Amino acid sequence: MSRQVTQPRFNMDWMLRDLASSVPETRHVVLLSSDGLCMAQVGTDKDTADRLAAACAGLQSLSGAIAAEFPDGDGRMRLVVIEVDGGFFYLMAAGTSSYLAVLAEDSVDAGLMGQCMRDLVARLGEHLSSPPRVDGRVT
């Protein structure tokens, strides 16, 4: 039985709570599919999470195009970090067709954030994957 794309397979927010609580100064944590569907969120409302997921889909696509320019690489984006006035944005490949996005205050420990994100992905990567979809439905 297939379900609409907008319905998550199960609540995955709990997977992100540890990251949000273990790194001080974390504002938002969002798990998104490669096509911009918010699959889980912590520390934010649904509208903000949806906006972040949509923006991240474009950013990961752009990053993939840049990664393809490296002849010895595999053409995939692994991590993007953007520093802006007031904070940092992190986007990391998480599971199959999924990405982990984090917004943090400018006083965040960048090394701790990167390590905690890598640890989360290593521990739970298979659960962070986006299911394949056909004609707008989860297969």
Protein backbone atom coordinates (compact mmCIF):
# COMPACT_ATOMS: atom_id res chain seq x y z
CA MET A 1 0.00 0.00 0.00
CA SER A 2 1.44 3.39 -0.94
CA ARG A 3 0.95 6.68 0.88
CA GLN A 4 0.99 10.30 -0.23
CA VAL A 5 4.46 11.87 -0.34
CA THR A 6 3.51 14.47 2.26
CA GLN A 7 2.92 11.79 4.89
CA PRO A 8 6.12 10.66 6.63
CA ARG A 9 6.74 6.93 6.96
CA PHE A 10 6.95 7.40 10.72
CA ASN A 11 7.84 10.18 13.14
CA MET A 12 11.60 10.70 12.86
CA ASP A 13 11.82 13.89 14.94
CA TRP A 14 13.16 11.91 17.91
CA MET A 15 16.26 11.02 15.90
CA LEU A 16 17.16 14.70 15.66
CA ARG A 17 16.49 15.70 19.29
CA ASP A 18 19.80 14.33 20.54
CA LEU A 19 21.71 16.47 18.04
CA ALA A 20 19.73 19.58 18.95
CA SER A 21 20.19 19.05 22.68
CA SER A 22 23.85 17.95 22.61
CA VAL A 23 25.19 20.97 20.72
CA PRO A 24 24.54 24.28 22.51
CA GLU A 25 23.39 27.14 20.27
CA THR A 26 21.52 24.87 17.83
CA ARG A 27 18.40 26.62 16.51
CA HIS A 28 16.83 24.30 13.92
CA VAL A 29 17.44 20.74 12.76
CA VAL A 30 15.67 19.48 9.64
CA LEU A 31 15.86 16.17 7.81
CA LEU A 32 14.85 16.54 4.17
CA SER A 33 14.60 14.47 1.04
CA SER A 34 16.71 15.39 -1.98
CA ASP A 35 13.63 16.91 -3.63
CA GLY A 36 12.92 19.26 -0.70
CA LEU A 37 10.35 17.37 1.36
CA CYS A 38 10.71 17.98 5.11
CA MET A 39 10.79 14.51 6.68
CA ALA A 40 11.48 15.53 10.30
CA GLN A 41 12.26 18.64 12.30
CA VAL A 42 13.30 19.77 15.76
CA GLY A 43 13.36 23.29 17.17
CA THR A 44 11.21 24.83 14.48
CA ASP A 45 7.66 25.08 13.25
CA LYS A 46 6.39 23.29 10.16
CA ASP A 47 6.38 26.38 7.92
CA THR A 48 9.99 27.26 8.75
CA ALA A 49 11.07 23.63 8.32
CA ASP A 50 9.36 23.47 4.92
CA ARG A 51 11.09 26.69 3.78
CA LEU A 52 14.47 25.39 4.93
CA ALA A 53 13.90 22.03 3.21
CA ALA A 54 12.97 23.72 -0.07
CA ALA A 55 16.02 26.00 0.05
CA CYS A 56 18.28 23.05 0.94
CA ALA A 57 17.08 21.06 -2.06
CA GLY A 58 18.35 23.80 -4.33
CA LEU A 59 21.60 24.10 -2.42
CA GLN A 60 22.34 20.37 -2.51
CA SER A 61 21.63 20.33 -6.24
CA LEU A 62 24.04 23.21 -6.80
CA SER A 63 26.63 21.53 -4.58
CA GLY A 64 26.32 18.34 -6.61
CA ALA A 65 27.03 20.28 -9.79
CA ILE A 66 30.17 21.73 -8.21
CA ALA A 67 31.23 18.32 -6.86
CA ALA A 68 31.02 16.91 -10.38
CA GLU A 69 33.85 19.26 -11.39
CA PHE A 70 36.34 17.28 -9.30
CA PRO A 71 37.65 14.53 -11.60
CA ASP A 72 38.71 12.16 -8.80
CA GLY A 73 35.49 12.54 -6.79
CA ASP A 74 32.21 10.70 -7.02
CA GLY A 75 30.18 13.83 -7.81
CA ARG A 76 28.23 13.80 -4.55
CA MET A 77 27.95 16.55 -1.97
CA ARG A 78 28.96 15.51 1.54
CA LEU A 79 28.89 18.73 3.61
CA VAL A 80 28.19 22.41 2.99
CA VAL A 81 28.83 25.04 5.66
CA ILE A 82 27.71 28.63 5.23
CA GLU A 83 28.54 31.40 7.67
CA VAL A 84 26.19 34.38 7.72
CA ASP A 85 25.75 37.30 10.09
CA GLY A 86 24.29 35.73 13.19
CA GLY A 87 25.14 32.09 12.65
CA PHE A 88 26.01 29.05 10.63
CA PHE A 89 24.15 26.76 8.28
CA TYR A 90 25.20 23.13 7.82
CA LEU A 91 23.92 20.74 5.15
CA MET A 92 25.16 17.14 5.21
CA ALA A 93 24.30 14.10 3.10
CA ALA A 94 22.48 11.79 5.52
CA GLY A 95 21.02 8.65 3.98
CA THR A 96 19.90 7.58 0.54
CA SER A 97 18.36 10.69 -1.06
CA SER A 98 18.25 12.58 2.24
CA TYR A 99 20.07 15.46 3.89
CA LEU A 100 20.49 16.82 7.40
CA ALA A 101 20.27 20.61 7.75
CA VAL A 102 21.16 22.58 10.88
CA LEU A 103 20.99 26.28 11.68
CA ALA A 104 23.06 27.38 14.67
CA GLU A 105 23.98 30.61 16.43
CA ASP A 106 27.33 32.22 15.62
CA SER A 107 28.76 31.09 18.97
CA VAL A 108 28.27 27.38 18.16
CA ASP A 109 31.26 25.07 18.50
CA ALA A 110 31.70 24.27 14.79
CA GLY A 111 33.87 21.21 15.41
CA LEU A 112 31.37 19.75 17.86
CA MET A 113 28.50 20.38 15.45
CA GLY A 114 30.29 18.65 12.57
CA GLN A 115 31.23 15.68 14.73
CA CYS A 116 27.72 15.27 16.17
CA MET A 117 26.20 15.47 12.68
CA ARG A 118 28.64 12.84 11.38
CA ASP A 119 27.92 10.61 14.38
CA LEU A 120 24.16 10.86 13.85
CA VAL A 121 24.46 10.00 10.18
CA ALA A 122 26.82 7.09 10.89
CA ARG A 123 24.51 5.65 13.57
CA LEU A 124 21.18 6.22 11.87
CA GLY A 125 21.90 6.76 8.17
CA GLU A 126 19.72 3.90 6.94
CA HIS A 127 16.77 5.31 8.94
CA LEU A 128 17.38 8.82 7.60
CA SER A 129 16.85 7.73 3.98
CA SER A 130 14.05 9.05 1.85
CA PRO A 131 11.84 6.32 0.38
CA PRO A 132 11.62 6.19 -3.42
CA ARG A 133 8.52 7.80 -4.89
CA VAL A 134 6.61 7.12 -8.08
CA ASP A 135 3.94 9.53 -9.30
CA GLY A 136 3.95 11.45 -6.02
CA ARG A 137 3.56 8.37 -3.84
CA VAL A 138 5.92 6.55 -1.49
CA THR A 139 6.69 3.08 -2.83
